[in-house]
Amino acid sequence: QVQLVESGGGLVQPGGSLRLSCAASGSGASFSAMGWYRQAPGKQRELVAAVTVVGSTNYADSVKGRFTISRANAKNAVYLQMNSLKPEDTAVFYCNAKGWGSPPPDYWGQGTQVTVSS
């Protein structure tokens, strides 16, 4: 059974920074990609950033140049460094991991709240 545990959310002022962490547990777990999604009130969940096992990255246009995703394959962990945060970044952030196969299984964390407000 795969479990994803997130940490690092919280309240930050506009222009500030936060670092989200996500660690996956589960015997023999291996993921083709890991990433972060977010869901703001009244909006659909959207991809923020993702990184494949070989290090290819993908970012939402709204976060390019401000957020950086990184991954530690040996630890089955993924991180999201968020800089220059804006009020519109306020959302619940979810860690995602994709297994192998067609289609690959999806695993989700419980979510961590990020609030950007003065």
N, C-alpha and C. Protein backbone atom coordinates (compact mmCIF):
# COMPACT_ATOMS: atom_id res chain seq x y z
N GLN A 1 0.84 -1.19 0.00
CA GLN A 1 0.00 0.00 0.00
C GLN A 1 0.88 1.24 0.00
N VAL A 2 0.68 2.10 -0.99
CA VAL A 2 1.47 3.33 -1.09
C VAL A 2 0.78 4.46 -0.33
N GLN A 3 1.57 5.17 0.47
CA GLN A 3 1.07 6.35 1.16
C GLN A 3 1.99 7.52 0.86
N LEU A 4 1.38 8.66 0.60
CA LEU A 4 2.14 9.89 0.38
C LEU A 4 1.85 10.84 1.54
N VAL A 5 2.91 11.34 2.15
CA VAL A 5 2.77 12.24 3.30
C VAL A 5 3.42 13.56 2.96
N GLU A 6 2.61 14.63 3.01
CA GLU A 6 3.09 15.97 2.68
C GLU A 6 3.40 16.75 3.94
N SER A 7 4.27 17.74 3.79
CA SER A 7 4.54 18.67 4.87
C SER A 7 5.04 19.98 4.28
N GLY A 8 4.97 21.04 5.09
CA GLY A 8 5.56 22.30 4.67
C GLY A 8 4.58 23.41 4.32
N GLY A 9 3.30 23.13 4.34
CA GLY A 9 2.35 24.19 4.05
C GLY A 9 2.26 25.19 5.20
N GLY A 10 1.46 26.25 4.99
CA GLY A 10 1.29 27.23 6.05
C GLY A 10 0.87 28.57 5.50
N LEU A 11 0.99 29.57 6.35
CA LEU A 11 0.61 30.95 6.02
C LEU A 11 1.88 31.75 5.75
N VAL A 12 1.88 32.47 4.64
CA VAL A 12 3.04 33.28 4.28
C VAL A 12 2.56 34.57 3.65
N GLN A 13 3.33 35.62 3.80
CA GLN A 13 2.98 36.91 3.22
C GLN A 13 3.32 36.92 1.72
N PRO A 14 2.62 37.75 0.97
CA PRO A 14 2.96 37.88 -0.47
C PRO A 14 4.44 38.21 -0.64
N GLY A 15 5.05 37.54 -1.61
CA GLY A 15 6.48 37.70 -1.85
C GLY A 15 7.33 36.73 -1.07
N GLY A 16 6.73 36.01 -0.15
CA GLY A 16 7.48 35.06 0.67
C GLY A 16 7.71 33.73 -0.01
N SER A 17 8.29 32.82 0.75
CA SER A 17 8.66 31.50 0.22
C SER A 17 8.18 30.39 1.15
N LEU A 18 7.93 29.24 0.56
CA LEU A 18 7.63 28.02 1.29
C LEU A 18 8.24 26.85 0.53
N ARG A 19 8.52 25.79 1.27
CA ARG A 19 9.02 24.57 0.64
C ARG A 19 8.14 23.41 1.08
N LEU A 20 7.53 22.77 0.10
CA LEU A 20 6.71 21.60 0.36
C LEU A 20 7.53 20.33 0.16
N SER A 21 7.26 19.35 1.01
CA SER A 21 7.92 18.06 0.90
C SER A 21 6.88 16.96 0.86
N CYS A 22 7.21 15.90 0.16
CA CYS A 22 6.31 14.75 0.08
C CYS A 22 7.17 13.49 0.06
N ALA A 23 6.86 12.57 0.94
CA ALA A 23 7.58 11.31 1.00
C ALA A 23 6.61 10.17 0.81
N ALA A 24 6.99 9.22 -0.03
CA ALA A 24 6.14 8.07 -0.30
C ALA A 24 6.66 6.86 0.46
N SER A 25 5.74 6.10 1.02
CA SER A 25 6.11 4.86 1.70
C SER A 25 5.40 3.70 1.04
N GLY A 26 5.94 2.53 1.20
CA GLY A 26 5.34 1.36 0.57
C GLY A 26 6.44 0.46 0.06
N SER A 27 6.40 -0.77 0.46
CA SER A 27 7.45 -1.71 0.11
C SER A 27 7.61 -1.84 -1.40
N GLY A 28 8.81 -1.58 -1.89
CA GLY A 28 9.08 -1.74 -3.31
C GLY A 28 8.48 -0.68 -4.20
N ALA A 29 8.02 0.43 -3.60
CA ALA A 29 7.37 1.46 -4.40
C ALA A 29 8.34 2.08 -5.38
N SER A 30 7.86 2.33 -6.59
CA SER A 30 8.65 2.97 -7.63
C SER A 30 7.70 3.78 -8.49
N PHE A 31 8.11 4.98 -8.86
CA PHE A 31 7.19 5.86 -9.55
C PHE A 31 7.80 6.42 -10.83
N SER A 32 7.00 6.46 -11.87
CA SER A 32 7.47 7.02 -13.13
C SER A 32 7.53 8.54 -13.07
N ALA A 33 6.68 9.13 -12.26
CA ALA A 33 6.67 10.58 -12.11
C ALA A 33 6.09 10.94 -10.76
N MET A 34 6.51 12.09 -10.25
CA MET A 34 5.94 12.64 -9.02
C MET A 34 5.70 14.12 -9.25
N GLY A 35 4.72 14.64 -8.56
CA GLY A 35 4.42 16.04 -8.80
C GLY A 35 3.51 16.64 -7.77
N TRP A 36 3.12 17.86 -8.04
CA TRP A 36 2.24 18.61 -7.15
C TRP A 36 1.07 19.19 -7.95
N TYR A 37 -0.10 19.07 -7.38
CA TYR A 37 -1.31 19.68 -7.89
C TYR A 37 -1.83 20.62 -6.82
N ARG A 38 -2.73 21.51 -7.21
CA ARG A 38 -3.37 22.37 -6.22
C ARG A 38 -4.83 22.59 -6.59
N GLN A 39 -5.61 22.88 -5.56
CA GLN A 39 -7.02 23.15 -5.76
C GLN A 39 -7.43 24.32 -4.88
N ALA A 40 -7.83 25.39 -5.52
CA ALA A 40 -8.32 26.57 -4.81
C ALA A 40 -9.84 26.44 -4.64
N PRO A 41 -10.41 27.14 -3.67
CA PRO A 41 -11.86 27.06 -3.45
C PRO A 41 -12.65 27.40 -4.72
N GLY A 42 -13.57 26.53 -5.07
CA GLY A 42 -14.41 26.77 -6.23
C GLY A 42 -13.76 26.49 -7.56
N LYS A 43 -12.54 25.96 -7.54
CA LYS A 43 -11.83 25.70 -8.79
C LYS A 43 -11.45 24.22 -8.89
N GLN A 44 -11.13 23.81 -10.11
CA GLN A 44 -10.71 22.43 -10.32
C GLN A 44 -9.26 22.24 -9.90
N ARG A 45 -8.94 21.00 -9.57
CA ARG A 45 -7.55 20.68 -9.26
C ARG A 45 -6.72 20.85 -10.51
N GLU A 46 -5.54 21.46 -10.36
CA GLU A 46 -4.68 21.71 -11.51
C GLU A 46 -3.25 21.29 -11.22
N LEU A 47 -2.55 20.92 -12.28
CA LEU A 47 -1.14 20.57 -12.16
C LEU A 47 -0.33 21.82 -11.88
N VAL A 48 0.55 21.73 -10.89
CA VAL A 48 1.49 22.81 -10.61
C VAL A 48 2.84 22.50 -11.23
N ALA A 49 3.36 21.32 -10.92
CA ALA A 49 4.66 20.92 -11.44
C ALA A 49 4.81 19.42 -11.29
N ALA A 50 5.58 18.83 -12.19
CA ALA A 50 5.83 17.39 -12.14
C ALA A 50 7.25 17.11 -12.61
N VAL A 51 7.79 15.99 -12.15
CA VAL A 51 9.14 15.59 -12.53
C VAL A 51 9.14 14.08 -12.75
N THR A 52 9.75 13.65 -13.86
CA THR A 52 9.81 12.22 -14.15
C THR A 52 11.01 11.59 -13.45
N VAL A 53 11.09 10.27 -13.55
CA VAL A 53 12.17 9.55 -12.90
C VAL A 53 13.53 9.91 -13.49
N VAL A 54 13.54 10.39 -14.74
CA VAL A 54 14.81 10.79 -15.35
C VAL A 54 15.07 12.28 -15.24
N GLY A 55 14.18 12.98 -14.52
CA GLY A 55 14.43 14.38 -14.23
C GLY A 55 13.78 15.40 -15.16
N SER A 56 12.97 14.97 -16.09
CA SER A 56 12.25 15.92 -16.93
C SER A 56 11.17 16.61 -16.11
N THR A 57 11.05 17.92 -16.28
CA THR A 57 10.10 18.69 -15.48
C THR A 57 9.05 19.36 -16.35
N ASN A 58 7.92 19.65 -15.72
CA ASN A 58 6.82 20.32 -16.38
C ASN A 58 6.18 21.25 -15.36
N TYR A 59 5.95 22.51 -15.76
CA TYR A 59 5.39 23.50 -14.84
C TYR A 59 4.15 24.16 -15.45
N ALA A 60 3.23 24.52 -14.61
CA ALA A 60 2.12 25.37 -15.04
C ALA A 60 2.69 26.73 -15.40
N ASP A 61 2.13 27.38 -16.40
CA ASP A 61 2.62 28.69 -16.82
C ASP A 61 2.61 29.69 -15.67
N SER A 62 1.64 29.58 -14.81
CA SER A 62 1.46 30.55 -13.74
C SER A 62 2.55 30.49 -12.68
N VAL A 63 3.33 29.42 -12.66
CA VAL A 63 4.37 29.28 -11.63
C VAL A 63 5.78 29.25 -12.20
N LYS A 64 5.91 29.25 -13.50
CA LYS A 64 7.24 29.21 -14.12
C LYS A 64 8.08 30.40 -13.65
N GLY A 65 9.31 30.11 -13.28
CA GLY A 65 10.21 31.15 -12.81
C GLY A 65 10.09 31.44 -11.33
N ARG A 66 9.06 30.91 -10.69
CA ARG A 66 8.86 31.13 -9.25
C ARG A 66 8.97 29.83 -8.44
N PHE A 67 8.50 28.74 -9.00
CA PHE A 67 8.50 27.45 -8.30
C PHE A 67 9.55 26.53 -8.93
N THR A 68 10.14 25.70 -8.09
CA THR A 68 11.09 24.70 -8.57
C THR A 68 10.77 23.35 -7.95
N ILE A 69 10.62 22.35 -8.80
CA ILE A 69 10.35 21.00 -8.31
C ILE A 69 11.64 20.20 -8.36
N SER A 70 11.82 19.35 -7.37
CA SER A 70 12.98 18.46 -7.34
C SER A 70 12.54 17.13 -6.75
N ARG A 71 13.37 16.12 -7.00
CA ARG A 71 12.99 14.77 -6.61
C ARG A 71 14.21 14.01 -6.12
N ALA A 72 14.01 13.22 -5.11
CA ALA A 72 15.05 12.32 -4.61
C ALA A 72 14.55 10.90 -4.83
N ASN A 73 14.97 10.29 -5.92
CA ASN A 73 14.45 8.97 -6.30
C ASN A 73 14.71 7.91 -5.23
N ALA A 74 15.90 7.96 -4.65
CA ALA A 74 16.25 6.94 -3.66
C ALA A 74 15.35 7.01 -2.43
N LYS A 75 14.83 8.19 -2.18
CA LYS A 75 13.96 8.38 -1.01
C LYS A 75 12.48 8.37 -1.39
N ASN A 76 12.19 8.23 -2.68
CA ASN A 76 10.80 8.36 -3.13
C ASN A 76 10.18 9.64 -2.59
N ALA A 77 10.92 10.73 -2.73
CA ALA A 77 10.47 12.02 -2.21
C ALA A 77 10.47 13.06 -3.33
N VAL A 78 9.59 14.03 -3.16
CA VAL A 78 9.52 15.14 -4.11
C VAL A 78 9.33 16.42 -3.31
N TYR A 79 9.92 17.50 -3.83
CA TYR A 79 9.91 18.77 -3.12
C TYR A 79 9.44 19.87 -4.07
N LEU A 80 8.84 20.90 -3.50
CA LEU A 80 8.43 22.06 -4.28
C LEU A 80 8.87 23.31 -3.56
N GLN A 81 9.86 23.98 -4.11
CA GLN A 81 10.30 25.27 -3.58
C GLN A 81 9.48 26.36 -4.23
N MET A 82 8.77 27.12 -3.42
CA MET A 82 7.88 28.16 -3.93
C MET A 82 8.39 29.52 -3.47
N ASN A 83 8.76 30.35 -4.42
CA ASN A 83 9.25 31.70 -4.14
C ASN A 83 8.30 32.73 -4.74
N SER A 84 8.44 33.95 -4.29
CA SER A 84 7.62 35.06 -4.81
C SER A 84 6.14 34.69 -4.81
N LEU A 85 5.69 34.18 -3.70
CA LEU A 85 4.31 33.71 -3.62
C LEU A 85 3.32 34.86 -3.74
N LYS A 86 2.19 34.55 -4.37
CA LYS A 86 1.14 35.54 -4.60
C LYS A 86 -0.15 35.07 -3.94
N PRO A 87 -1.06 35.99 -3.62
CA PRO A 87 -2.34 35.57 -3.03
C PRO A 87 -3.06 34.52 -3.88
N GLU A 88 -2.92 34.61 -5.19
CA GLU A 88 -3.60 33.65 -6.06
C GLU A 88 -2.98 32.25 -6.02
N ASP A 89 -1.88 32.10 -5.31
CA ASP A 89 -1.31 30.77 -5.10
C ASP A 89 -2.00 30.04 -3.94
N THR A 90 -2.85 30.74 -3.21
CA THR A 90 -3.55 30.12 -2.09
C THR A 90 -4.39 28.94 -2.56
N ALA A 91 -4.15 27.78 -1.96
CA ALA A 91 -4.83 26.56 -2.37
C ALA A 91 -4.41 25.42 -1.45
N VAL A 92 -5.10 24.30 -1.58
CA VAL A 92 -4.63 23.06 -0.98
C VAL A 92 -3.73 22.39 -2.02
N PHE A 93 -2.52 22.08 -1.63
CA PHE A 93 -1.55 21.45 -2.51
C PHE A 93 -1.51 19.95 -2.22
N TYR A 94 -1.58 19.17 -3.29
CA TYR A 94 -1.60 17.71 -3.18
C TYR A 94 -0.38 17.11 -3.86
N CYS A 95 0.26 16.20 -3.19
CA CYS A 95 1.34 15.43 -3.79
C CYS A 95 0.74 14.29 -4.62
N ASN A 96 1.35 14.05 -5.76
CA ASN A 96 0.89 12.98 -6.66
C ASN A 96 2.08 12.11 -7.08
N ALA A 97 1.84 10.83 -7.16
CA ALA A 97 2.85 9.92 -7.68
C ALA A 97 2.18 8.97 -8.67
N LYS A 98 2.84 8.75 -9.80
CA LYS A 98 2.32 7.85 -10.81
C LYS A 98 3.18 6.60 -10.86
N GLY A 99 2.51 5.45 -10.86
CA GLY A 99 3.23 4.19 -10.96
C GLY A 99 3.62 3.90 -12.40
N TRP A 100 3.75 2.63 -12.70
CA TRP A 100 4.12 2.19 -14.04
C TRP A 100 2.97 1.41 -14.64
N GLY A 101 2.86 1.45 -15.95
CA GLY A 101 1.79 0.72 -16.63
C GLY A 101 0.97 1.64 -17.50
N SER A 102 -0.01 1.05 -18.15
CA SER A 102 -0.88 1.80 -19.04
C SER A 102 -2.33 1.43 -18.79
N PRO A 103 -3.08 2.31 -18.13
CA PRO A 103 -2.62 3.58 -17.57
C PRO A 103 -1.90 3.37 -16.24
N PRO A 104 -1.02 4.30 -15.89
CA PRO A 104 -0.31 4.15 -14.62
C PRO A 104 -1.23 4.45 -13.44
N PRO A 105 -1.07 3.73 -12.35
CA PRO A 105 -1.88 4.04 -11.16
C PRO A 105 -1.46 5.38 -10.59
N ASP A 106 -2.45 6.09 -10.04
CA ASP A 106 -2.23 7.38 -9.40
C ASP A 106 -2.34 7.25 -7.90
N TYR A 107 -1.43 7.89 -7.21
CA TYR A 107 -1.47 7.94 -5.75
C TYR A 107 -1.49 9.40 -5.32
N TRP A 108 -2.24 9.68 -4.24
CA TRP A 108 -2.42 11.06 -3.79
C TRP A 108 -2.14 11.18 -2.30
N GLY A 109 -1.56 12.33 -1.94
CA GLY A 109 -1.43 12.68 -0.54
C GLY A 109 -2.72 13.28 -0.02
N GLN A 110 -2.73 13.61 1.26
CA GLN A 110 -3.94 14.12 1.90
C GLN A 110 -4.13 15.61 1.67
N GLY A 111 -3.10 16.28 1.20
CA GLY A 111 -3.19 17.71 0.93
C GLY A 111 -2.62 18.55 2.06
N THR A 112 -2.03 19.68 1.69
CA THR A 112 -1.52 20.63 2.68
C THR A 112 -1.91 22.03 2.24
N GLN A 113 -2.40 22.81 3.20
CA GLN A 113 -2.91 24.14 2.89
C GLN A 113 -1.77 25.14 2.76
N VAL A 114 -1.81 25.91 1.69
CA VAL A 114 -0.90 27.04 1.50
C VAL A 114 -1.75 28.30 1.40
N THR A 115 -1.52 29.25 2.28
CA THR A 115 -2.26 30.50 2.28
C THR A 115 -1.29 31.66 2.16
N VAL A 116 -1.51 32.48 1.14
CA VAL A 116 -0.66 33.65 0.91
C VAL A 116 -1.50 34.89 1.18
N SER A 117 -1.19 35.56 2.27
CA SER A 117 -2.00 36.70 2.68
C SER A 117 -1.19 37.61 3.59
N SER A 118 -1.50 38.90 3.51
CA SER A 118 -0.85 39.86 4.41
C SER A 118 -1.72 40.08 5.64
